[in-house]
């Protein structure tokens, strides 16, 4: 990633992720970027070493867990609705 004033550039998939994390850190702070990195379990060699629970700061781990606990019921319900919609319907009797 290269930063030239207010312009950030990067190329490739992981470089793009690294760049996005760096931009998040500039805009929302390092802890926000670390939360996102941990939530996506991104740990190759990014700008923050918080892609795994054992490396992330405890405040980041706690914040990600709180977010997941808050959104989990809605996401589970959405997944269950999607699974139900994919169930094959009974073939008509002949």
Protein backbone atom coordinates (compact mmCIF):
# COMPACT_ATOMS: atom_id res chain seq x y z
CA UNK A 1 0.00 0.00 0.00
CA UNK A 2 1.15 3.52 -0.78
CA UNK A 3 -0.22 6.68 0.78
CA UNK A 4 0.28 10.04 -0.87
CA UNK A 5 -1.52 12.64 1.24
CA UNK A 6 -5.22 11.78 1.14
CA UNK A 7 -4.75 9.20 -1.66
CA UNK A 8 -4.31 5.51 -0.81
CA UNK A 9 -3.45 2.93 -3.48
CA UNK A 10 -2.90 -0.78 -3.43
CA UNK A 11 -3.07 -3.72 -5.81
CA UNK A 12 -4.14 -7.32 -5.48
CA UNK A 13 -6.59 -9.01 -3.14
CA UNK A 14 -4.56 -9.14 0.06
CA UNK A 15 -2.96 -5.78 -0.67
CA UNK A 16 -6.49 -4.39 -1.06
CA UNK A 17 -7.48 -5.83 2.31
CA UNK A 18 -4.32 -4.42 3.89
CA UNK A 19 -5.09 -1.06 2.31
CA UNK A 20 -8.68 -1.11 3.55
CA UNK A 21 -7.49 -1.87 7.09
CA UNK A 22 -4.98 0.98 6.90
CA UNK A 23 -7.67 3.39 5.66
CA UNK A 24 -10.00 2.25 8.46
CA UNK A 25 -7.23 2.91 10.97
CA UNK A 26 -6.71 6.41 9.57
CA UNK A 27 -10.42 7.22 9.64
CA UNK A 28 -11.74 5.28 12.65
CA UNK A 29 -8.63 4.40 14.61
CA UNK A 30 -6.44 1.34 14.96
CA UNK A 31 -8.90 -0.47 17.24
CA UNK A 32 -11.66 -0.32 14.60
CA UNK A 33 -9.31 -1.76 11.99
CA UNK A 34 -8.25 -4.49 14.42
CA UNK A 35 -11.91 -5.36 15.13
CA UNK A 36 -12.60 -5.77 11.43
CA UNK A 37 -9.43 -7.80 10.95
CA UNK A 38 -10.37 -10.13 13.81
CA UNK A 39 -13.98 -10.46 12.61
CA UNK A 40 -12.76 -11.66 9.22
CA UNK A 41 -9.94 -13.74 10.75
CA UNK A 42 -7.40 -12.16 8.43
CA UNK A 43 -3.88 -12.97 9.59
CA UNK A 44 -1.31 -13.36 6.81
CA UNK A 45 0.99 -10.39 7.58
CA UNK A 46 -1.36 -7.43 7.64
CA UNK A 47 -0.81 -4.01 9.17
CA UNK A 48 -2.23 -5.20 12.51
CA UNK A 49 -1.60 -8.50 14.27
CA UNK A 50 -5.17 -9.03 15.42
CA UNK A 51 -6.52 -11.57 12.96
CA UNK A 52 -6.47 -14.36 15.55
CA UNK A 53 -7.90 -14.44 19.06
CA UNK A 54 -4.58 -15.23 20.69
CA UNK A 55 -2.95 -12.17 19.11
CA UNK A 56 -5.72 -9.56 19.25
CA UNK A 57 -5.85 -7.11 22.15
CA UNK A 58 -8.46 -8.10 24.74
CA UNK A 59 -10.46 -4.91 24.17
CA UNK A 60 -10.73 -5.78 20.48
CA UNK A 61 -11.79 -9.36 21.25
CA UNK A 62 -14.44 -8.13 23.69
CA UNK A 63 -15.81 -5.61 21.19
CA UNK A 64 -16.05 -8.18 18.38
CA UNK A 65 -17.74 -10.70 20.68
CA UNK A 66 -20.26 -8.07 21.80
CA UNK A 67 -21.04 -7.18 18.19
CA UNK A 68 -21.48 -10.82 17.19
CA UNK A 69 -23.71 -11.52 20.19
CA UNK A 70 -25.91 -8.57 19.23
CA UNK A 71 -26.32 -9.55 15.56
CA UNK A 72 -26.30 -13.35 15.96
CA UNK A 73 -30.07 -13.88 16.48
CA UNK A 74 -30.95 -11.90 13.34
CA UNK A 75 -28.30 -13.66 11.24
CA UNK A 76 -29.37 -17.09 12.51
CA UNK A 77 -33.01 -16.34 11.69
CA UNK A 78 -32.03 -15.18 8.19
CA UNK A 79 -30.01 -18.35 7.61
CA UNK A 80 -32.90 -20.50 8.81
CA UNK A 81 -35.32 -18.70 6.47
CA UNK A 82 -32.91 -19.21 3.58
CA UNK A 83 -32.50 -22.90 4.42
CA UNK A 84 -36.26 -23.36 4.60
CA UNK A 85 -36.67 -21.70 1.21
CA UNK A 86 -34.17 -24.14 -0.28
CA UNK A 87 -36.00 -27.23 0.97
CA UNK A 88 -37.35 -29.22 -1.95
CA UNK A 89 -41.10 -29.21 -2.20
CA UNK A 90 -42.92 -32.51 -2.30
CA UNK A 91 -43.49 -33.81 -5.80
CA UNK A 92 -47.16 -33.81 -6.80
CA UNK A 93 -48.83 -37.18 -6.54
CA UNK A 94 -49.93 -38.77 -9.76
